[in-house]
Amino acid sequence: MRWSLSQAGGQTGGVPSIVPSAFLALALMASAGLPGLAPRAKEPPPLRLMAMTEVQQSNGGHFITKADINGQDIEVLVDTGASAVALSYQDAEKAGLKPHSLDYTVKVLTANGEGTAARVKLRHVMIDNVKVRDVDALVLKEGAMNGTLLGMSFLSRLKSFTVTDGVLLLKN
């Protein structure tokens, strides 16, 4: 590599003005955008595949399955006629919602008649790999209902849900 001093006096401000030819050539190649010299492009975000699962219809014609609610397996009945996820007192206790300390002021109409429930937010509801976070739900008073209904506050947050030939397909 050959270095040369500037011909105009050899120095600028007391510092030799040295311009290496190789550096100049590299700068020109970089500005031309040659491969390997351009800034590294950001990596694309990882692909996220759609989560989906199937629930088989029971002999009674209902869709009953296990759901992970706040980290606990709870048997649920899928109910498109229920506007919200509705947990029994016992299932709410199992899910760590402390139903004894909730405020039961929400008026509800159930198959058993009118009643009151407490409004809660579930950290997550997951069936197999289909997961929804921050799900609005209701907890019913002790003895008001047996079991838990998986209603529209969960279902409406999915990409889709369909029933075909006795199989409920949940997609997220």
C-alpha atoms as a PDB file:
ATOM      1  CA  MET A   1       0.000   0.000   0.000  1.00  0.00           C
ATOM      2  CA  ARG A   2       1.372   3.386  -0.912  1.00  0.00           C
ATOM      3  CA  TRP A   3       0.777   6.466   1.253  1.00  0.00           C
ATOM      4  CA  SER A   4       1.371   9.986   0.023  1.00  0.00           C
ATOM      5  CA  LEU A   5       1.611  13.371   1.646  1.00  0.00           C
ATOM      6  CA  SER A   6      -0.529  16.153   0.322  1.00  0.00           C
ATOM      7  CA  GLN A   7       1.308  18.148  -2.297  1.00  0.00           C
ATOM      8  CA  ALA A   8      -0.011  21.416  -0.871  1.00  0.00           C
ATOM      9  CA  GLY A   9       2.650  22.031   1.727  1.00  0.00           C
ATOM     10  CA  GLY A  10       2.760  18.445   2.997  1.00  0.00           C
ATOM     11  CA  GLN A  11       0.943  19.329   6.230  1.00  0.00           C
ATOM     12  CA  THR A  12      -2.339  20.818   7.309  1.00  0.00           C
ATOM     13  CA  GLY A  13      -2.455  22.469  10.713  1.00  0.00           C
ATOM     14  CA  GLY A  14       0.671  20.660  11.844  1.00  0.00           C
ATOM     15  CA  VAL A  15      -0.734  17.186  11.060  1.00  0.00           C
ATOM     16  CA  PRO A  16       0.402  15.336   7.940  1.00  0.00           C
ATOM     17  CA  SER A  17      -2.455  14.996   5.438  1.00  0.00           C
ATOM     18  CA  ILE A  18      -2.189  11.324   4.530  1.00  0.00           C
ATOM     19  CA  VAL A  19      -4.803   9.834   2.219  1.00  0.00           C
ATOM     20  CA  PRO A  20      -4.356   6.122   1.643  1.00  0.00           C
ATOM     21  CA  SER A  21      -5.446   5.078  -1.833  1.00  0.00           C
ATOM     22  CA  ALA A  22      -6.893   1.838  -0.511  1.00  0.00           C
ATOM     23  CA  PHE A  23      -9.132   3.721   1.960  1.00  0.00           C
ATOM     24  CA  LEU A  24     -10.389   5.979  -0.810  1.00  0.00           C
ATOM     25  CA  ALA A  25     -11.124   2.955  -3.014  1.00  0.00           C
ATOM     26  CA  LEU A  26     -12.981   1.244  -0.172  1.00  0.00           C
ATOM     27  CA  ALA A  27     -15.057   4.351   0.526  1.00  0.00           C
ATOM     28  CA  LEU A  28     -16.017   4.571  -3.145  1.00  0.00           C
ATOM     29  CA  MET A  29     -16.996   0.871  -3.250  1.00  0.00           C
ATOM     30  CA  ALA A  30     -19.087   1.202  -0.087  1.00  0.00           C
ATOM     31  CA  SER A  31     -20.950   4.171  -1.469  1.00  0.00           C
ATOM     32  CA  ALA A  32     -21.652   2.118  -4.598  1.00  0.00           C
ATOM     33  CA  GLY A  33     -23.454  -0.427  -2.429  1.00  0.00           C
ATOM     34  CA  LEU A  34     -21.350  -3.491  -3.122  1.00  0.00           C
ATOM     35  CA  PRO A  35     -22.442  -6.666  -1.340  1.00  0.00           C
ATOM     36  CA  GLY A  36     -20.953  -7.230   2.055  1.00  0.00           C
ATOM     37  CA  LEU A  37     -20.193  -3.553   2.574  1.00  0.00           C
ATOM     38  CA  ALA A  38     -23.756  -2.336   2.970  1.00  0.00           C
ATOM     39  CA  PRO A  39     -25.258  -2.074   6.471  1.00  0.00           C
ATOM     40  CA  ARG A  40     -26.773  -5.344   7.643  1.00  0.00           C
ATOM     41  CA  ALA A  41     -30.530  -5.482   7.084  1.00  0.00           C
ATOM     42  CA  LYS A  42     -32.783  -6.221  10.059  1.00  0.00           C
ATOM     43  CA  GLU A  43     -33.860  -9.823  10.300  1.00  0.00           C
ATOM     44  CA  PRO A  44     -37.508 -10.355   9.411  1.00  0.00           C
ATOM     45  CA  PRO A  45     -39.786 -11.143  12.350  1.00  0.00           C
ATOM     46  CA  PRO A  46     -40.319 -14.865  12.939  1.00  0.00           C
ATOM     47  CA  LEU A  47     -43.297 -16.413  11.193  1.00  0.00           C
ATOM     48  CA  ARG A  48     -46.285 -16.969  13.418  1.00  0.00           C
ATOM     49  CA  LEU A  49     -48.466 -19.831  12.391  1.00  0.00           C
ATOM     50  CA  MET A  50     -52.173 -19.865  13.108  1.00  0.00           C
ATOM     51  CA  ALA A  51     -53.089 -21.863  16.199  1.00  0.00           C
ATOM     52  CA  MET A  52     -56.112 -24.103  15.863  1.00  0.00           C
ATOM     53  CA  THR A  53     -57.760 -27.015  17.584  1.00  0.00           C
ATOM     54  CA  GLU A  54     -60.802 -29.226  17.235  1.00  0.00           C
ATOM     55  CA  VAL A  55     -63.386 -30.096  19.874  1.00  0.00           C
ATOM     56  CA  GLN A  56     -65.568 -33.136  19.257  1.00  0.00           C
ATOM     57  CA  GLN A  57     -69.296 -32.931  19.934  1.00  0.00           C
ATOM     58  CA  SER A  58     -70.397 -35.041  22.922  1.00  0.00           C
ATOM     59  CA  ASN A  59     -73.213 -37.583  22.823  1.00  0.00           C
ATOM     60  CA  GLY A  60     -75.577 -34.916  24.194  1.00  0.00           C
ATOM     61  CA  GLY A  61     -74.760 -32.594  21.270  1.00  0.00           C
ATOM     62  CA  HIS A  62     -72.661 -30.185  23.361  1.00  0.00           C
ATOM     63  CA  PHE A  63     -69.021 -29.187  23.001  1.00  0.00           C
ATOM     64  CA  ILE A  64     -67.301 -29.955  26.291  1.00  0.00           C
ATOM     65  CA  THR A  65     -63.533 -29.686  26.683  1.00  0.00           C
ATOM     66  CA  LYS A  66     -60.745 -28.861  29.097  1.00  0.00           C
ATOM     67  CA  ALA A  67     -59.516 -25.283  29.121  1.00  0.00           C
ATOM     68  CA  ASP A  68     -56.442 -23.920  30.820  1.00  0.00           C
ATOM     69  CA  ILE A  69     -57.805 -20.927  32.741  1.00  0.00           C
ATOM     70  CA  ASN A  70     -55.128 -18.960  34.584  1.00  0.00           C
ATOM     71  CA  GLY A  71     -52.929 -22.076  34.585  1.00  0.00           C
ATOM     72  CA  GLN A  72     -55.574 -24.528  35.869  1.00  0.00           C
ATOM     73  CA  ASP A  73     -57.363 -27.223  33.855  1.00  0.00           C
ATOM     74  CA  ILE A  74     -61.093 -26.593  34.060  1.00  0.00           C
ATOM     75  CA  GLU A  75     -63.838 -28.431  32.195  1.00  0.00           C
ATOM     76  CA  VAL A  76     -65.918 -25.999  30.116  1.00  0.00           C
ATOM     77  CA  LEU A  77     -69.052 -26.123  28.006  1.00  0.00           C
ATOM     78  CA  VAL A  78     -68.690 -24.039  24.840  1.00  0.00           C
ATOM     79  CA  ASP A  79     -71.783 -21.806  24.696  1.00  0.00           C
ATOM     80  CA  THR A  80     -72.261 -19.296  21.862  1.00  0.00           C
ATOM     81  CA  GLY A  81     -75.442 -18.142  23.608  1.00  0.00           C
ATOM     82  CA  ALA A  82     -73.502 -16.914  26.636  1.00  0.00           C
ATOM     83  CA  SER A  83     -72.222 -13.364  26.224  1.00  0.00           C
ATOM     84  CA  ALA A  84     -69.265 -13.986  28.536  1.00  0.00           C
ATOM     85  CA  VAL A  85     -67.170 -16.720  30.055  1.00  0.00           C
ATOM     86  CA  ALA A  86     -69.119 -17.637  33.202  1.00  0.00           C
ATOM     87  CA  LEU A  87     -67.321 -19.527  35.951  1.00  0.00           C
ATOM     88  CA  SER A  88     -68.945 -21.401  38.785  1.00  0.00           C
ATOM     89  CA  TYR A  89     -67.852 -20.387  42.264  1.00  0.00           C
ATOM     90  CA  GLN A  90     -65.859 -23.632  42.586  1.00  0.00           C
ATOM     91  CA  ASP A  91     -64.061 -23.231  39.227  1.00  0.00           C
ATOM     92  CA  ALA A  92     -63.278 -19.579  40.031  1.00  0.00           C
ATOM     93  CA  GLU A  93     -61.694 -20.751  43.263  1.00  0.00           C
ATOM     94  CA  LYS A  94     -59.663 -23.358  41.367  1.00  0.00           C
ATOM     95  CA  ALA A  95     -58.494 -20.637  38.914  1.00  0.00           C
ATOM     96  CA  GLY A  96     -57.241 -18.518  41.830  1.00  0.00           C
ATOM     97  CA  LEU A  97     -59.884 -15.781  41.551  1.00  0.00           C
ATOM     98  CA  LYS A  98     -60.776 -15.760  45.293  1.00  0.00           C
ATOM     99  CA  PRO A  99     -64.559 -15.717  44.764  1.00  0.00           C
ATOM    100  CA  HIS A 100     -65.254 -15.131  48.486  1.00  0.00           C
ATOM    101  CA  SER A 101     -63.770 -11.624  48.132  1.00  0.00           C
ATOM    102  CA  LEU A 102     -65.484 -10.579  44.878  1.00  0.00           C
ATOM    103  CA  ASP A 103     -68.234  -7.989  44.491  1.00  0.00           C
ATOM    104  CA  TYR A 104     -71.373  -9.683  43.075  1.00  0.00           C
ATOM    105  CA  THR A 105     -73.177  -6.682  41.585  1.00  0.00           C
ATOM    106  CA  VAL A 106     -73.619  -7.605  37.900  1.00  0.00           C
ATOM    107  CA  LYS A 107     -77.181  -8.683  37.116  1.00  0.00           C
ATOM    108  CA  VAL A 108     -77.313 -11.832  34.986  1.00  0.00           C
ATOM    109  CA  LEU A 109     -80.041 -13.924  33.434  1.00  0.00           C
ATOM    110  CA  THR A 110     -79.272 -17.640  33.506  1.00  0.00           C
ATOM    111  CA  ALA A 111     -81.210 -20.783  32.682  1.00  0.00           C
ATOM    112  CA  ASN A 112     -82.043 -20.873  36.410  1.00  0.00           C
ATOM    113  CA  GLY A 113     -83.439 -17.337  36.394  1.00  0.00           C
ATOM    114  CA  GLU A 114     -82.056 -13.967  37.468  1.00  0.00           C
ATOM    115  CA  GLY A 115     -79.007 -13.674  39.650  1.00  0.00           C
ATOM    116  CA  THR A 116     -75.883 -11.662  40.275  1.00  0.00           C
ATOM    117  CA  ALA A 117     -72.273 -12.238  39.319  1.00  0.00           C
ATOM    118  CA  ALA A 118     -68.869 -10.639  39.825  1.00  0.00           C
ATOM    119  CA  ARG A 119     -66.901  -9.201  36.926  1.00  0.00           C
ATOM    120  CA  VAL A 120     -63.304 -10.508  36.593  1.00  0.00           C
ATOM    121  CA  LYS A 121     -60.481 -10.525  34.035  1.00  0.00           C
ATOM    122  CA  LEU A 122     -58.814 -13.868  33.297  1.00  0.00           C
ATOM    123  CA  ARG A 123     -55.076 -13.766  32.546  1.00  0.00           C
ATOM    124  CA  HIS A 124     -55.593 -16.322  29.795  1.00  0.00           C
ATOM    125  CA  VAL A 125     -57.895 -19.003  28.504  1.00  0.00           C
ATOM    126  CA  MET A 126     -56.275 -21.719  26.402  1.00  0.00           C
ATOM    127  CA  ILE A 127     -57.623 -24.804  24.676  1.00  0.00           C
ATOM    128  CA  ASP A 128     -54.734 -26.881  23.350  1.00  0.00           C
ATOM    129  CA  ASN A 129     -52.605 -24.253  21.550  1.00  0.00           C
ATOM    130  CA  VAL A 130     -55.405 -21.694  21.026  1.00  0.00           C
ATOM    131  CA  LYS A 131     -54.805 -18.976  23.615  1.00  0.00           C
ATOM    132  CA  VAL A 132     -56.547 -15.683  24.385  1.00  0.00           C
ATOM    133  CA  ARG A 133     -55.166 -13.291  27.004  1.00  0.00           C
ATOM    134  CA  ASP A 134     -57.067 -10.858  29.244  1.00  0.00           C
ATOM    135  CA  VAL A 135     -60.506 -12.405  28.845  1.00  0.00           C
ATOM    136  CA  ASP A 136     -63.514 -10.705  30.455  1.00  0.00           C
ATOM    137  CA  ALA A 137     -65.519 -13.139  32.570  1.00  0.00           C
ATOM    138  CA  LEU A 138     -68.133 -13.444  35.278  1.00  0.00           C
ATOM    139  CA  VAL A 139     -68.086 -15.491  38.466  1.00  0.00           C
ATOM    140  CA  LEU A 140     -71.450 -16.661  39.752  1.00  0.00           C
ATOM    141  CA  LYS A 141     -72.339 -16.952  43.417  1.00  0.00           C
ATOM    142  CA  GLU A 142     -71.813 -20.242  45.166  1.00  0.00           C
ATOM    143  CA  GLY A 143     -74.477 -22.777  44.157  1.00  0.00           C
ATOM    144  CA  ALA A 144     -75.831 -20.630  41.293  1.00  0.00           C
ATOM    145  CA  MET A 145     -74.314 -22.792  38.558  1.00  0.00           C
ATOM    146  CA  ASN A 146     -72.477 -26.077  38.152  1.00  0.00           C
ATOM    147  CA  GLY A 147     -69.549 -25.939  35.739  1.00  0.00           C
ATOM    148  CA  THR A 148     -68.163 -23.185  33.540  1.00  0.00           C
ATOM    149  CA  LEU A 149     -69.490 -21.755  30.278  1.00  0.00           C
ATOM    150  CA  LEU A 150     -67.019 -20.676  27.613  1.00  0.00           C
ATOM    151  CA  GLY A 151     -68.961 -17.795  26.098  1.00  0.00           C
ATOM    152  CA  MET A 152     -68.501 -15.062  23.544  1.00  0.00           C
ATOM    153  CA  SER A 153     -65.998 -12.970  25.544  1.00  0.00           C
ATOM    154  CA  PHE A 154     -63.549 -15.748  24.592  1.00  0.00           C
ATOM    155  CA  LEU A 155     -64.985 -16.943  21.261  1.00  0.00           C
ATOM    156  CA  SER A 156     -65.330 -13.475  19.708  1.00  0.00           C
ATOM    157  CA  ARG A 157     -61.598 -12.852  20.243  1.00  0.00           C
ATOM    158  CA  LEU A 158     -60.662 -15.792  18.009  1.00  0.00           C
ATOM    159  CA  LYS A 159     -59.889 -15.446  14.304  1.00  0.00           C
ATOM    160  CA  SER A 160     -62.797 -17.824  13.695  1.00  0.00           C
ATOM    161  CA  PHE A 161     -64.808 -20.707  15.080  1.00  0.00           C
ATOM    162  CA  THR A 162     -66.936 -23.049  12.997  1.00  0.00           C
ATOM    163  CA  VAL A 163     -68.935 -26.233  13.459  1.00  0.00           C
ATOM    164  CA  THR A 164     -68.882 -28.874  10.742  1.00  0.00           C
ATOM    165  CA  ASP A 165     -70.052 -32.479  11.075  1.00  0.00           C
ATOM    166  CA  GLY A 166     -69.947 -32.467  14.870  1.00  0.00           C
ATOM    167  CA  VAL A 167     -66.530 -30.831  15.147  1.00  0.00           C
ATOM    168  CA  LEU A 168     -65.962 -27.347  16.574  1.00  0.00           C
ATOM    169  CA  LEU A 169     -62.874 -25.782  14.967  1.00  0.00           C
ATOM    170  CA  LEU A 170     -61.239 -22.913  16.896  1.00  0.00           C
ATOM    171  CA  LYS A 171     -58.675 -20.742  15.070  1.00  0.00           C
ATOM    172  CA  ASN A 172     -56.543 -17.988  16.502  1.00  0.00           C
END
